[in-house]
Amino acid sequence: MANDPKATIADLDARLNKLGAPKVEGTATVADKEVPAIFFGKRRINGNYDVVDEIKKASGATATVFVKSGDEFVRVSTNVLTPEGKRGVGTQLARNKAYESVSKGQSFCGEVDVLGTAYNTCYNPVKDAGGAVIGLTYVGFKK
């Protein structure tokens, strides 16, 4: 998995899916924003950092779970830090190549600027039982 975004995102998705099926239920506040609450099984992911921190420990990768809120994808669980050293929750996925792909329900792997730094990344859509995109997962390795 060392510096392999495809293997690492497979690990992140497997860890999340082990918790149960993904769904959106109700809302939760993240960084003073009210957004949909995303669950895997009974575990609410908004504001819960254990899975993304396990990925960082296992591979050194940055990892994030986003929830779809309207036309945006909002970080609700991340180990990506802002320049101030805080978790980047509440920030939105930039309208980039990754956004285009996951909005259509497709994965994206490639180089992306994440909060001002170049990363080798993979993004996977998270779909509910009906096949609708309700969020996405991300992993990245600093270039």
N, C-alpha and C. Protein backbone atom coordinates (compact mmCIF):
# COMPACT_ATOMS: atom_id res chain seq x y z
N MET A 1 0.81 -1.21 0.00
CA MET A 1 0.00 0.00 0.00
C MET A 1 0.85 1.26 0.00
N ALA A 2 2.15 1.14 0.24
CA ALA A 2 3.00 2.33 0.35
C ALA A 2 2.86 3.20 -0.89
N ASN A 3 2.33 4.38 -0.70
CA ASN A 3 2.16 5.37 -1.77
C ASN A 3 1.34 4.86 -2.95
N ASP A 4 0.46 3.90 -2.72
CA ASP A 4 -0.43 3.38 -3.77
C ASP A 4 -1.86 3.80 -3.47
N PRO A 5 -2.32 4.90 -4.10
CA PRO A 5 -3.67 5.39 -3.78
C PRO A 5 -4.77 4.36 -4.06
N LYS A 6 -4.64 3.55 -5.11
CA LYS A 6 -5.70 2.58 -5.43
C LYS A 6 -5.84 1.52 -4.35
N ALA A 7 -4.71 1.00 -3.87
CA ALA A 7 -4.75 0.00 -2.80
C ALA A 7 -5.24 0.62 -1.50
N THR A 8 -4.81 1.86 -1.25
CA THR A 8 -5.17 2.52 0.00
C THR A 8 -6.64 2.88 0.05
N ILE A 9 -7.21 3.34 -1.07
CA ILE A 9 -8.64 3.66 -1.04
C ILE A 9 -9.46 2.37 -0.93
N ALA A 10 -8.96 1.28 -1.49
CA ALA A 10 -9.65 -0.01 -1.32
C ALA A 10 -9.66 -0.39 0.16
N ASP A 11 -8.57 -0.12 0.87
CA ASP A 11 -8.49 -0.40 2.30
C ASP A 11 -9.48 0.49 3.06
N LEU A 12 -9.51 1.80 2.75
CA LEU A 12 -10.44 2.72 3.41
C LEU A 12 -11.88 2.27 3.19
N ASP A 13 -12.24 1.98 1.94
CA ASP A 13 -13.61 1.57 1.64
C ASP A 13 -13.97 0.26 2.34
N ALA A 14 -13.02 -0.68 2.40
CA ALA A 14 -13.28 -1.96 3.07
C ALA A 14 -13.52 -1.74 4.57
N ARG A 15 -12.73 -0.87 5.18
CA ARG A 15 -12.91 -0.58 6.62
C ARG A 15 -14.28 0.05 6.88
N LEU A 16 -14.70 0.98 6.01
CA LEU A 16 -16.00 1.62 6.18
C LEU A 16 -17.14 0.62 5.94
N ASN A 17 -17.02 -0.17 4.86
CA ASN A 17 -18.09 -1.11 4.54
C ASN A 17 -18.24 -2.21 5.58
N LYS A 18 -17.16 -2.51 6.31
CA LYS A 18 -17.23 -3.48 7.40
C LYS A 18 -18.18 -3.01 8.50
N LEU A 19 -18.35 -1.68 8.61
CA LEU A 19 -19.25 -1.10 9.61
C LEU A 19 -20.71 -1.29 9.22
N GLY A 20 -20.97 -1.45 7.92
CA GLY A 20 -22.34 -1.62 7.44
C GLY A 20 -22.58 -0.81 6.18
N ALA A 21 -23.78 -0.90 5.66
CA ALA A 21 -24.15 -0.23 4.41
C ALA A 21 -24.20 1.29 4.63
N PRO A 22 -23.75 2.07 3.60
CA PRO A 22 -23.80 3.52 3.73
C PRO A 22 -25.22 4.06 3.54
N LYS A 23 -25.53 5.12 4.30
CA LYS A 23 -26.83 5.80 4.15
C LYS A 23 -26.70 7.20 4.72
N VAL A 24 -27.62 8.05 4.30
CA VAL A 24 -27.72 9.40 4.85
C VAL A 24 -29.00 9.44 5.67
N GLU A 25 -28.87 9.98 6.89
CA GLU A 25 -30.04 10.03 7.78
C GLU A 25 -29.92 11.25 8.68
N GLY A 26 -30.86 12.17 8.54
CA GLY A 26 -30.84 13.37 9.37
C GLY A 26 -29.71 14.30 8.98
N THR A 27 -29.35 15.19 9.92
CA THR A 27 -28.28 16.15 9.67
C THR A 27 -27.33 16.17 10.87
N ALA A 28 -26.18 16.76 10.65
CA ALA A 28 -25.18 16.94 11.71
C ALA A 28 -24.44 18.23 11.43
N THR A 29 -23.95 18.86 12.48
CA THR A 29 -23.20 20.10 12.32
C THR A 29 -21.72 19.78 12.24
N VAL A 30 -21.07 20.29 11.18
CA VAL A 30 -19.62 20.13 11.02
C VAL A 30 -19.06 21.52 10.76
N ALA A 31 -18.16 21.96 11.62
CA ALA A 31 -17.55 23.30 11.47
C ALA A 31 -18.61 24.37 11.24
N ASP A 32 -19.63 24.38 12.10
CA ASP A 32 -20.72 25.37 12.05
C ASP A 32 -21.60 25.29 10.82
N LYS A 33 -21.51 24.16 10.06
CA LYS A 33 -22.38 23.98 8.90
C LYS A 33 -23.30 22.79 9.18
N GLU A 34 -24.57 22.95 8.83
CA GLU A 34 -25.53 21.86 8.93
C GLU A 34 -25.49 21.08 7.62
N VAL A 35 -25.10 19.82 7.68
CA VAL A 35 -24.99 18.98 6.48
C VAL A 35 -25.66 17.64 6.75
N PRO A 36 -25.97 16.89 5.69
CA PRO A 36 -26.53 15.56 5.92
C PRO A 36 -25.57 14.70 6.76
N ALA A 37 -26.14 13.83 7.58
CA ALA A 37 -25.32 12.90 8.38
C ALA A 37 -25.15 11.62 7.57
N ILE A 38 -23.89 11.22 7.35
CA ILE A 38 -23.61 9.99 6.60
C ILE A 38 -23.22 8.90 7.59
N PHE A 39 -23.82 7.74 7.40
CA PHE A 39 -23.59 6.58 8.27
C PHE A 39 -23.06 5.42 7.45
N PHE A 40 -22.23 4.60 8.08
CA PHE A 40 -21.92 3.26 7.58
C PHE A 40 -22.43 2.36 8.69
N GLY A 41 -23.50 1.59 8.38
CA GLY A 41 -24.16 0.82 9.42
C GLY A 41 -24.73 1.79 10.44
N LYS A 42 -24.45 1.53 11.74
CA LYS A 42 -24.96 2.40 12.80
C LYS A 42 -24.00 3.52 13.17
N ARG A 43 -22.81 3.55 12.55
CA ARG A 43 -21.77 4.53 12.91
C ARG A 43 -21.91 5.79 12.08
N ARG A 44 -22.18 6.91 12.77
CA ARG A 44 -22.20 8.20 12.08
C ARG A 44 -20.75 8.61 11.84
N ILE A 45 -20.45 8.99 10.61
CA ILE A 45 -19.08 9.32 10.22
C ILE A 45 -18.77 10.80 10.45
N ASN A 46 -19.79 11.67 10.38
CA ASN A 46 -19.58 13.10 10.61
C ASN A 46 -18.90 13.29 11.97
N GLY A 47 -17.72 13.91 11.96
CA GLY A 47 -17.02 14.21 13.22
C GLY A 47 -16.37 13.00 13.87
N ASN A 48 -16.33 11.86 13.18
CA ASN A 48 -15.73 10.64 13.72
C ASN A 48 -14.46 10.36 12.90
N TYR A 49 -13.32 10.32 13.56
CA TYR A 49 -12.04 10.29 12.83
C TYR A 49 -11.28 8.98 12.94
N ASP A 50 -11.83 7.97 13.60
CA ASP A 50 -11.03 6.76 13.84
C ASP A 50 -10.63 6.06 12.54
N VAL A 51 -11.52 5.94 11.56
CA VAL A 51 -11.19 5.21 10.33
C VAL A 51 -10.14 5.98 9.50
N VAL A 52 -10.31 7.29 9.34
CA VAL A 52 -9.33 8.06 8.56
C VAL A 52 -7.97 8.08 9.27
N ASP A 53 -7.98 8.10 10.59
CA ASP A 53 -6.72 8.08 11.33
C ASP A 53 -6.04 6.71 11.25
N GLU A 54 -6.84 5.62 11.18
CA GLU A 54 -6.27 4.28 10.98
C GLU A 54 -5.55 4.20 9.62
N ILE A 55 -6.13 4.81 8.59
CA ILE A 55 -5.51 4.82 7.26
C ILE A 55 -4.19 5.56 7.30
N LYS A 56 -4.16 6.71 7.98
CA LYS A 56 -2.93 7.50 8.11
C LYS A 56 -1.84 6.67 8.80
N LYS A 57 -2.24 5.96 9.86
CA LYS A 57 -1.30 5.14 10.62
C LYS A 57 -0.78 3.97 9.78
N ALA A 58 -1.68 3.35 9.02
CA ALA A 58 -1.33 2.15 8.23
C ALA A 58 -0.49 2.48 7.00
N SER A 59 -0.76 3.64 6.35
CA SER A 59 -0.14 3.90 5.04
C SER A 59 0.56 5.25 4.93
N GLY A 60 0.27 6.16 5.86
CA GLY A 60 0.81 7.52 5.75
C GLY A 60 -0.04 8.42 4.86
N ALA A 61 -1.14 7.89 4.32
CA ALA A 61 -1.98 8.66 3.39
C ALA A 61 -2.91 9.62 4.13
N THR A 62 -3.26 10.71 3.44
CA THR A 62 -4.37 11.52 3.90
C THR A 62 -5.64 10.81 3.45
N ALA A 63 -6.69 10.92 4.26
CA ALA A 63 -7.95 10.24 3.95
C ALA A 63 -9.11 11.11 4.41
N THR A 64 -10.20 11.06 3.63
CA THR A 64 -11.38 11.88 3.93
C THR A 64 -12.64 11.14 3.53
N VAL A 65 -13.71 11.38 4.29
CA VAL A 65 -15.05 10.99 3.88
C VAL A 65 -15.83 12.28 3.70
N PHE A 66 -16.44 12.43 2.52
CA PHE A 66 -17.28 13.58 2.20
C PHE A 66 -18.73 13.13 2.18
N VAL A 67 -19.65 14.05 2.49
CA VAL A 67 -21.08 13.80 2.31
C VAL A 67 -21.57 14.76 1.23
N LYS A 68 -22.52 14.28 0.42
CA LYS A 68 -23.11 15.14 -0.61
C LYS A 68 -24.15 16.03 0.05
N SER A 69 -24.00 17.33 -0.17
CA SER A 69 -24.92 18.31 0.39
C SER A 69 -25.31 19.24 -0.75
N GLY A 70 -26.50 19.04 -1.31
CA GLY A 70 -26.89 19.78 -2.51
C GLY A 70 -25.99 19.35 -3.65
N ASP A 71 -25.32 20.34 -4.31
CA ASP A 71 -24.39 20.05 -5.40
C ASP A 71 -22.95 19.94 -4.91
N GLU A 72 -22.74 20.08 -3.62
CA GLU A 72 -21.38 20.09 -3.07
C GLU A 72 -21.08 18.78 -2.33
N PHE A 73 -19.78 18.53 -2.15
CA PHE A 73 -19.31 17.44 -1.30
C PHE A 73 -18.54 18.08 -0.17
N VAL A 74 -18.97 17.84 1.07
CA VAL A 74 -18.40 18.50 2.25
C VAL A 74 -17.62 17.48 3.08
N ARG A 75 -16.39 17.87 3.48
CA ARG A 75 -15.56 17.00 4.33
C ARG A 75 -16.20 16.88 5.70
N VAL A 76 -16.53 15.63 6.11
CA VAL A 76 -17.13 15.42 7.43
C VAL A 76 -16.22 14.59 8.34
N SER A 77 -15.23 13.91 7.75
CA SER A 77 -14.24 13.15 8.51
C SER A 77 -12.95 13.18 7.71
N THR A 78 -11.87 13.70 8.30
CA THR A 78 -10.63 13.84 7.54
C THR A 78 -9.42 13.88 8.45
N ASN A 79 -8.28 13.49 7.90
CA ASN A 79 -7.02 13.72 8.59
C ASN A 79 -6.20 14.77 7.84
N VAL A 80 -6.81 15.42 6.83
CA VAL A 80 -6.17 16.52 6.10
C VAL A 80 -6.24 17.76 7.00
N LEU A 81 -5.08 18.39 7.21
CA LEU A 81 -5.03 19.56 8.09
C LEU A 81 -5.02 20.85 7.29
N THR A 82 -5.66 21.87 7.84
CA THR A 82 -5.63 23.21 7.26
C THR A 82 -4.27 23.84 7.58
N PRO A 83 -3.94 24.96 6.94
CA PRO A 83 -2.68 25.64 7.27
C PRO A 83 -2.58 25.99 8.77
N GLU A 84 -3.72 26.12 9.45
CA GLU A 84 -3.73 26.42 10.89
C GLU A 84 -3.54 25.17 11.75
N GLY A 85 -3.43 23.99 11.08
CA GLY A 85 -3.20 22.75 11.83
C GLY A 85 -4.46 22.09 12.36
N LYS A 86 -5.63 22.53 11.87
CA LYS A 86 -6.90 21.90 12.29
C LYS A 86 -7.40 20.97 11.19
N ARG A 87 -8.20 19.98 11.56
CA ARG A 87 -8.80 19.10 10.55
C ARG A 87 -9.66 19.93 9.60
N GLY A 88 -9.58 19.62 8.30
CA GLY A 88 -10.28 20.42 7.29
C GLY A 88 -11.75 20.08 7.13
N VAL A 89 -12.44 19.74 8.24
CA VAL A 89 -13.87 19.42 8.12
C VAL A 89 -14.66 20.68 7.81
N GLY A 90 -15.76 20.49 7.08
CA GLY A 90 -16.62 21.60 6.71
C GLY A 90 -16.21 22.24 5.40
N THR A 91 -15.01 21.91 4.90
CA THR A 91 -14.56 22.46 3.61
C THR A 91 -15.14 21.61 2.48
N GLN A 92 -15.24 22.20 1.31
CA GLN A 92 -15.87 21.52 0.17
C GLN A 92 -14.83 21.01 -0.81
N LEU A 93 -15.20 19.94 -1.49
CA LEU A 93 -14.37 19.43 -2.58
C LEU A 93 -14.35 20.48 -3.68
N ALA A 94 -13.15 20.80 -4.16
CA ALA A 94 -13.01 21.77 -5.25
C ALA A 94 -13.69 21.22 -6.51
N ARG A 95 -14.15 22.12 -7.35
CA ARG A 95 -14.76 21.73 -8.63
C ARG A 95 -13.66 21.37 -9.60
N ASN A 96 -13.11 20.17 -9.44
CA ASN A 96 -11.99 19.72 -10.27
C ASN A 96 -12.37 18.44 -11.01
N LYS A 97 -11.37 17.77 -11.59
CA LYS A 97 -11.62 16.52 -12.34
C LYS A 97 -12.26 15.46 -11.45
N ALA A 98 -11.83 15.40 -10.19
CA ALA A 98 -12.40 14.42 -9.25
C ALA A 98 -13.89 14.71 -9.04
N TYR A 99 -14.24 15.97 -8.87
CA TYR A 99 -15.65 16.37 -8.68
C TYR A 99 -16.49 15.90 -9.87
N GLU A 100 -15.99 16.14 -11.07
CA GLU A 100 -16.73 15.75 -12.28
C GLU A 100 -17.00 14.24 -12.29
N SER A 101 -15.98 13.45 -11.98
CA SER A 101 -16.13 11.98 -12.02
C SER A 101 -17.09 11.46 -10.96
N VAL A 102 -16.87 11.85 -9.70
CA VAL A 102 -17.71 11.28 -8.64
C VAL A 102 -19.15 11.76 -8.73
N SER A 103 -19.35 12.97 -9.26
CA SER A 103 -20.73 13.46 -9.46
C SER A 103 -21.50 12.55 -10.41
N LYS A 104 -20.76 11.90 -11.33
CA LYS A 104 -21.37 10.97 -12.29
C LYS A 104 -21.35 9.53 -11.76
N GLY A 105 -20.90 9.34 -10.51
CA GLY A 105 -20.87 8.00 -9.94
C GLY A 105 -19.65 7.20 -10.32
N GLN A 106 -18.60 7.88 -10.82
CA GLN A 106 -17.38 7.19 -11.26
C GLN A 106 -16.22 7.52 -10.34
N SER A 107 -15.27 6.59 -10.22
CA SER A 107 -14.05 6.83 -9.45
C SER A 107 -13.12 7.74 -10.24
N PHE A 108 -12.18 8.36 -9.52
CA PHE A 108 -11.16 9.18 -10.16
C PHE A 108 -9.84 8.94 -9.44
N CYS A 109 -8.78 8.70 -10.19
CA CYS A 109 -7.42 8.64 -9.63
C CYS A 109 -6.53 9.53 -10.47
N GLY A 110 -5.70 10.33 -9.82
CA GLY A 110 -4.78 11.21 -10.53
C GLY A 110 -4.26 12.29 -9.61
N GLU A 111 -3.50 13.21 -10.19
CA GLU A 111 -2.92 14.30 -9.39
C GLU A 111 -3.96 15.38 -9.17
N VAL A 112 -4.09 15.82 -7.90
CA VAL A 112 -5.06 16.85 -7.54
C VAL A 112 -4.43 17.77 -6.51
N ASP A 113 -4.79 19.05 -6.56
CA ASP A 113 -4.38 20.02 -5.55
C ASP A 113 -5.37 19.91 -4.39
N VAL A 114 -4.87 19.56 -3.20
CA VAL A 114 -5.73 19.43 -2.01
C VAL A 114 -5.34 20.54 -1.04
N LEU A 115 -6.24 21.50 -0.86
CA LEU A 115 -6.02 22.64 0.03
C LEU A 115 -4.61 23.23 -0.17
N GLY A 116 -4.21 23.37 -1.45
CA GLY A 116 -2.97 24.05 -1.78
C GLY A 116 -1.72 23.18 -1.95
N THR A 117 -1.86 21.85 -1.86
CA THR A 117 -0.71 20.95 -1.99
C THR A 117 -1.03 19.88 -3.03
N ALA A 118 -0.04 19.53 -3.88
CA ALA A 118 -0.24 18.50 -4.92
C ALA A 118 -0.18 17.10 -4.30
N TYR A 119 -1.17 16.27 -4.64
CA TYR A 119 -1.26 14.90 -4.14
C TYR A 119 -1.55 13.93 -5.28
N ASN A 120 -1.05 12.70 -5.16
CA ASN A 120 -1.51 11.57 -5.98
C ASN A 120 -2.72 11.02 -5.24
N THR A 121 -3.87 11.00 -5.90
CA THR A 121 -5.13 10.73 -5.19
C THR A 121 -5.98 9.67 -5.86
N CYS A 122 -6.94 9.17 -5.09
CA CYS A 122 -8.08 8.42 -5.61
C CYS A 122 -9.32 8.86 -4.86
N TYR A 123 -10.42 8.99 -5.59
CA TYR A 123 -11.72 9.34 -5.04
C TYR A 123 -12.71 8.27 -5.50
N ASN A 124 -13.53 7.77 -4.59
CA ASN A 124 -14.57 6.81 -4.95
C ASN A 124 -15.92 7.35 -4.50
N PRO A 125 -16.95 7.24 -5.35
CA PRO A 125 -18.29 7.64 -4.90
C PRO A 125 -18.80 6.66 -3.84
N VAL A 126 -19.58 7.17 -2.90
CA VAL A 126 -20.29 6.35 -1.93
C VAL A 126 -21.75 6.39 -2.35
N LYS A 127 -22.32 5.20 -2.55
CA LYS A 127 -23.71 5.13 -3.02
C LYS A 127 -24.59 4.45 -1.98
N ASP A 128 -25.83 4.91 -1.90
CA ASP A 128 -26.78 4.28 -0.98
C ASP A 128 -27.37 3.03 -1.63
N ALA A 129 -28.28 2.38 -0.92
CA ALA A 129 -28.86 1.12 -1.39
C ALA A 129 -29.55 1.28 -2.75
N GLY A 130 -30.04 2.49 -3.05
CA GLY A 130 -30.71 2.74 -4.33
C GLY A 130 -29.76 3.12 -5.45
N GLY A 131 -28.46 3.21 -5.15
CA GLY A 131 -27.47 3.56 -6.18
C GLY A 131 -27.20 5.04 -6.33
N ALA A 132 -27.84 5.88 -5.50
CA ALA A 132 -27.60 7.32 -5.57
C ALA A 132 -26.28 7.67 -4.88
N VAL A 133 -25.53 8.62 -5.46
CA VAL A 133 -24.29 9.08 -4.85
C VAL A 133 -24.64 9.94 -3.63
N ILE A 134 -24.19 9.51 -2.44
CA ILE A 134 -24.49 10.24 -1.20
C ILE A 134 -23.23 10.83 -0.57
N GLY A 135 -22.08 10.51 -1.14
CA GLY A 135 -20.82 11.02 -0.60
C GLY A 135 -19.67 10.46 -1.41
N LEU A 136 -18.47 10.60 -0.85
CA LEU A 136 -17.30 10.02 -1.51
C LEU A 136 -16.20 9.81 -0.48
N THR A 137 -15.30 8.89 -0.85
CA THR A 137 -14.09 8.66 -0.06
C THR A 137 -12.91 9.16 -0.86
N TYR A 138 -11.85 9.54 -0.15
CA TYR A 138 -10.64 10.08 -0.76
C TYR A 138 -9.42 9.57 -0.01
N VAL A 139 -8.37 9.27 -0.74
CA VAL A 139 -7.04 9.10 -0.14
C VAL A 139 -6.04 9.80 -1.03
N GLY A 140 -4.96 10.25 -0.42
CA GLY A 140 -3.93 10.93 -1.19
C GLY A 140 -2.57 10.83 -0.54
N PHE A 141 -1.56 10.84 -1.39
CA PHE A 141 -0.16 10.87 -0.96
C PHE A 141 0.46 12.14 -1.49
N LYS A 142 1.09 12.92 -0.61
CA LYS A 142 1.75 14.16 -1.01
C LYS A 142 2.80 13.85 -2.07
N LYS A 143 2.82 14.65 -3.14
CA LYS A 143 3.81 14.44 -4.22
C LYS A 143 5.19 14.89 -3.79
